[in-house]
Amino acid sequence: MRQRKAVHNTLIMQVPDLERLVTLAMPFGKYKGRLIADLPGHYLNWFAREGFPPGEIGRLLALMQEMDHNGLRSLLDPLRKRG
């Protein structure tokens, strides 16, 4: 049996990225039009299993999945209240 190597991606949370999570709508798919910050965990986990899309949207989806997985969604609350 082949052993799988663990791959660790480092996601760095920066304020502009966090602001994008609460302002950018999902541009495609089942949840098109919903804010990235409001996507359900099971959908984010699906991307984590199947692969995130390239570019900014993939990076933001990966960040949101990590936040959701680690119970950090509440960090976005102050940013939501700004607008």
N, C-alpha and C. Protein backbone atom coordinates (compact mmCIF):
# COMPACT_ATOMS: atom_id res chain seq x y z
N MET A 1 0.84 -1.17 0.00
CA MET A 1 0.00 0.00 0.00
C MET A 1 0.89 1.25 0.00
N ARG A 2 0.56 2.20 -0.87
CA ARG A 2 1.32 3.44 -0.93
C ARG A 2 0.90 4.37 0.19
N GLN A 3 1.86 5.01 0.79
CA GLN A 3 1.54 5.99 1.82
C GLN A 3 1.37 7.35 1.17
N ARG A 4 0.41 8.08 1.67
CA ARG A 4 0.19 9.42 1.17
C ARG A 4 0.99 10.40 1.99
N LYS A 5 1.63 11.31 1.31
CA LYS A 5 2.38 12.35 2.00
C LYS A 5 1.41 13.45 2.42
N ALA A 6 1.59 13.92 3.63
CA ALA A 6 0.77 15.03 4.11
C ALA A 6 1.25 16.31 3.44
N VAL A 7 0.31 17.05 2.93
CA VAL A 7 0.61 18.33 2.32
C VAL A 7 -0.07 19.40 3.16
N HIS A 8 0.71 20.34 3.61
CA HIS A 8 0.16 21.42 4.44
C HIS A 8 0.25 22.73 3.68
N ASN A 9 -0.90 23.31 3.41
CA ASN A 9 -0.95 24.62 2.79
C ASN A 9 -1.06 25.65 3.89
N THR A 10 -0.33 26.72 3.76
CA THR A 10 -0.40 27.78 4.74
C THR A 10 -1.28 28.88 4.18
N LEU A 11 -2.37 29.13 4.88
CA LEU A 11 -3.25 30.22 4.49
C LEU A 11 -3.01 31.37 5.45
N ILE A 12 -2.72 32.52 4.91
CA ILE A 12 -2.48 33.69 5.74
C ILE A 12 -3.71 34.57 5.66
N MET A 13 -4.27 34.87 6.83
CA MET A 13 -5.44 35.73 6.87
C MET A 13 -4.98 37.18 6.89
N GLN A 14 -5.43 37.93 5.91
CA GLN A 14 -5.15 39.36 5.85
C GLN A 14 -6.48 40.09 5.80
N VAL A 15 -6.52 41.27 6.39
CA VAL A 15 -7.78 42.02 6.48
C VAL A 15 -8.45 42.18 5.12
N PRO A 16 -7.74 42.55 4.04
CA PRO A 16 -8.44 42.67 2.75
C PRO A 16 -9.12 41.36 2.33
N ASP A 17 -8.48 40.22 2.59
CA ASP A 17 -9.10 38.94 2.24
C ASP A 17 -10.35 38.70 3.09
N LEU A 18 -10.27 39.01 4.36
CA LEU A 18 -11.43 38.82 5.24
C LEU A 18 -12.58 39.73 4.80
N GLU A 19 -12.25 40.94 4.40
CA GLU A 19 -13.29 41.85 3.90
C GLU A 19 -13.93 41.32 2.62
N ARG A 20 -13.13 40.69 1.77
CA ARG A 20 -13.67 40.12 0.53
C ARG A 20 -14.65 38.99 0.83
N LEU A 21 -14.38 38.22 1.89
CA LEU A 21 -15.28 37.11 2.25
C LEU A 21 -16.69 37.60 2.55
N VAL A 22 -16.81 38.81 3.12
CA VAL A 22 -18.13 39.32 3.49
C VAL A 22 -18.72 40.25 2.44
N THR A 23 -18.02 40.44 1.32
CA THR A 23 -18.54 41.31 0.26
C THR A 23 -18.64 40.64 -1.10
N LEU A 24 -17.87 39.57 -1.31
CA LEU A 24 -17.84 38.91 -2.62
C LEU A 24 -18.85 37.77 -2.67
N ALA A 25 -19.68 37.81 -3.70
CA ALA A 25 -20.67 36.75 -3.90
C ALA A 25 -20.06 35.61 -4.72
N MET A 26 -20.51 34.41 -4.42
CA MET A 26 -20.08 33.23 -5.17
C MET A 26 -20.50 33.42 -6.64
N PRO A 27 -19.56 33.33 -7.58
CA PRO A 27 -19.90 33.64 -8.97
C PRO A 27 -20.50 32.48 -9.78
N PHE A 28 -20.57 31.29 -9.21
CA PHE A 28 -21.08 30.14 -9.98
C PHE A 28 -21.60 29.07 -9.03
N GLY A 29 -22.25 28.08 -9.61
CA GLY A 29 -22.64 26.89 -8.85
C GLY A 29 -23.96 27.02 -8.11
N LYS A 30 -24.21 26.05 -7.28
CA LYS A 30 -25.46 25.93 -6.53
C LYS A 30 -25.74 27.15 -5.67
N TYR A 31 -24.68 27.77 -5.14
CA TYR A 31 -24.85 28.91 -4.24
C TYR A 31 -24.44 30.22 -4.91
N LYS A 32 -24.57 30.29 -6.21
CA LYS A 32 -24.26 31.51 -6.96
C LYS A 32 -25.04 32.68 -6.36
N GLY A 33 -24.34 33.78 -6.10
CA GLY A 33 -24.97 34.97 -5.56
C GLY A 33 -24.89 35.08 -4.04
N ARG A 34 -24.56 34.00 -3.37
CA ARG A 34 -24.44 34.02 -1.91
C ARG A 34 -23.03 34.48 -1.53
N LEU A 35 -22.93 35.28 -0.48
CA LEU A 35 -21.62 35.73 -0.02
C LEU A 35 -20.75 34.53 0.33
N ILE A 36 -19.47 34.63 0.04
CA ILE A 36 -18.53 33.55 0.36
C ILE A 36 -18.62 33.22 1.85
N ALA A 37 -18.74 34.24 2.69
CA ALA A 37 -18.81 34.04 4.14
C ALA A 37 -20.06 33.29 4.57
N ASP A 38 -21.07 33.26 3.71
CA ASP A 38 -22.34 32.60 4.05
C ASP A 38 -22.50 31.22 3.42
N LEU A 39 -21.48 30.74 2.74
CA LEU A 39 -21.56 29.41 2.13
C LEU A 39 -21.57 28.34 3.23
N PRO A 40 -22.38 27.31 3.06
CA PRO A 40 -22.43 26.25 4.09
C PRO A 40 -21.14 25.44 4.14
N GLY A 41 -20.84 24.96 5.32
CA GLY A 41 -19.63 24.18 5.54
C GLY A 41 -19.51 22.97 4.65
N HIS A 42 -20.61 22.26 4.41
CA HIS A 42 -20.53 21.06 3.57
C HIS A 42 -20.11 21.39 2.15
N TYR A 43 -20.50 22.55 1.65
CA TYR A 43 -20.11 22.98 0.31
C TYR A 43 -18.62 23.33 0.28
N LEU A 44 -18.15 24.04 1.29
CA LEU A 44 -16.73 24.38 1.40
C LEU A 44 -15.89 23.11 1.54
N ASN A 45 -16.39 22.15 2.30
CA ASN A 45 -15.67 20.88 2.47
C ASN A 45 -15.61 20.09 1.17
N TRP A 46 -16.65 20.19 0.37
CA TRP A 46 -16.66 19.53 -0.93
C TRP A 46 -15.50 20.08 -1.79
N PHE A 47 -15.34 21.40 -1.81
CA PHE A 47 -14.22 22.00 -2.55
C PHE A 47 -12.89 21.51 -1.99
N ALA A 48 -12.79 21.41 -0.67
CA ALA A 48 -11.54 20.95 -0.05
C ALA A 48 -11.20 19.53 -0.51
N ARG A 49 -12.21 18.70 -0.69
CA ARG A 49 -11.98 17.33 -1.16
C ARG A 49 -11.69 17.27 -2.65
N GLU A 50 -12.45 18.01 -3.43
CA GLU A 50 -12.41 17.91 -4.89
C GLU A 50 -11.40 18.86 -5.54
N GLY A 51 -11.05 19.90 -4.83
CA GLY A 51 -10.11 20.90 -5.36
C GLY A 51 -10.77 22.26 -5.50
N PHE A 52 -10.05 23.27 -5.04
CA PHE A 52 -10.56 24.64 -5.15
C PHE A 52 -10.26 25.16 -6.55
N PRO A 53 -11.12 26.03 -7.07
CA PRO A 53 -10.85 26.60 -8.39
C PRO A 53 -9.60 27.49 -8.33
N PRO A 54 -9.02 27.77 -9.48
CA PRO A 54 -7.82 28.61 -9.51
C PRO A 54 -8.15 30.08 -9.21
N GLY A 55 -7.14 30.82 -8.88
CA GLY A 55 -7.28 32.27 -8.73
C GLY A 55 -7.83 32.70 -7.38
N GLU A 56 -8.27 33.96 -7.37
CA GLU A 56 -8.74 34.58 -6.12
C GLU A 56 -9.91 33.82 -5.50
N ILE A 57 -10.86 33.41 -6.31
CA ILE A 57 -12.04 32.74 -5.76
C ILE A 57 -11.63 31.45 -5.05
N GLY A 58 -10.73 30.70 -5.62
CA GLY A 58 -10.27 29.47 -4.97
C GLY A 58 -9.54 29.74 -3.67
N ARG A 59 -8.71 30.78 -3.68
CA ARG A 59 -7.97 31.16 -2.47
C ARG A 59 -8.93 31.58 -1.36
N LEU A 60 -9.97 32.35 -1.72
CA LEU A 60 -10.94 32.79 -0.73
C LEU A 60 -11.81 31.64 -0.23
N LEU A 61 -12.18 30.74 -1.12
CA LEU A 61 -12.95 29.56 -0.70
C LEU A 61 -12.13 28.70 0.26
N ALA A 62 -10.83 28.55 -0.03
CA ALA A 62 -9.96 27.78 0.86
C ALA A 62 -9.84 28.45 2.22
N LEU A 63 -9.72 29.76 2.22
CA LEU A 63 -9.64 30.50 3.48
C LEU A 63 -10.93 30.33 4.27
N MET A 64 -12.07 30.45 3.60
CA MET A 64 -13.35 30.32 4.29
C MET A 64 -13.54 28.90 4.81
N GLN A 65 -13.09 27.91 4.06
CA GLN A 65 -13.21 26.53 4.52
C GLN A 65 -12.38 26.31 5.78
N GLU A 66 -11.18 26.86 5.82
CA GLU A 66 -10.33 26.74 7.01
C GLU A 66 -10.97 27.43 8.20
N MET A 67 -11.53 28.60 7.96
CA MET A 67 -12.18 29.33 9.05
C MET A 67 -13.38 28.55 9.58
N ASP A 68 -14.18 28.01 8.66
CA ASP A 68 -15.35 27.23 9.07
C ASP A 68 -14.92 25.98 9.83
N HIS A 69 -13.95 25.28 9.30
CA HIS A 69 -13.48 24.03 9.90
C HIS A 69 -12.95 24.26 11.31
N ASN A 70 -12.34 25.41 11.54
CA ASN A 70 -11.75 25.71 12.84
C ASN A 70 -12.64 26.56 13.74
N GLY A 71 -13.91 26.72 13.35
CA GLY A 71 -14.86 27.45 14.18
C GLY A 71 -14.56 28.93 14.31
N LEU A 72 -14.05 29.53 13.24
CA LEU A 72 -13.65 30.94 13.30
C LEU A 72 -14.55 31.87 12.50
N ARG A 73 -15.73 31.43 12.13
CA ARG A 73 -16.63 32.29 11.35
C ARG A 73 -16.95 33.60 12.07
N SER A 74 -17.00 33.56 13.39
CA SER A 74 -17.37 34.75 14.15
C SER A 74 -16.35 35.88 13.99
N LEU A 75 -15.13 35.57 13.54
CA LEU A 75 -14.14 36.63 13.28
C LEU A 75 -14.62 37.60 12.20
N LEU A 76 -15.56 37.15 11.38
CA LEU A 76 -16.06 38.01 10.30
C LEU A 76 -17.17 38.95 10.75
N ASP A 77 -17.75 38.72 11.93
CA ASP A 77 -18.88 39.54 12.40
C ASP A 77 -18.57 41.02 12.43
N PRO A 78 -17.44 41.46 12.99
CA PRO A 78 -17.17 42.91 12.99
C PRO A 78 -17.07 43.51 11.58
N LEU A 79 -16.58 42.72 10.64
CA LEU A 79 -16.48 43.21 9.26
C LEU A 79 -17.85 43.34 8.61
N ARG A 80 -18.77 42.48 8.98
CA ARG A 80 -20.14 42.56 8.45
C ARG A 80 -20.82 43.83 8.95
N LYS A 81 -20.53 44.22 10.17
CA LYS A 81 -21.20 45.37 10.79
C LYS A 81 -20.68 46.71 10.28
N ARG A 82 -19.55 46.69 9.58
CA ARG A 82 -18.99 47.93 9.02
C ARG A 82 -19.86 48.51 7.94
N GLY A 83 -20.43 47.62 7.13
CA GLY A 83 -21.16 48.07 5.95
C GLY A 83 -22.49 48.53 6.15
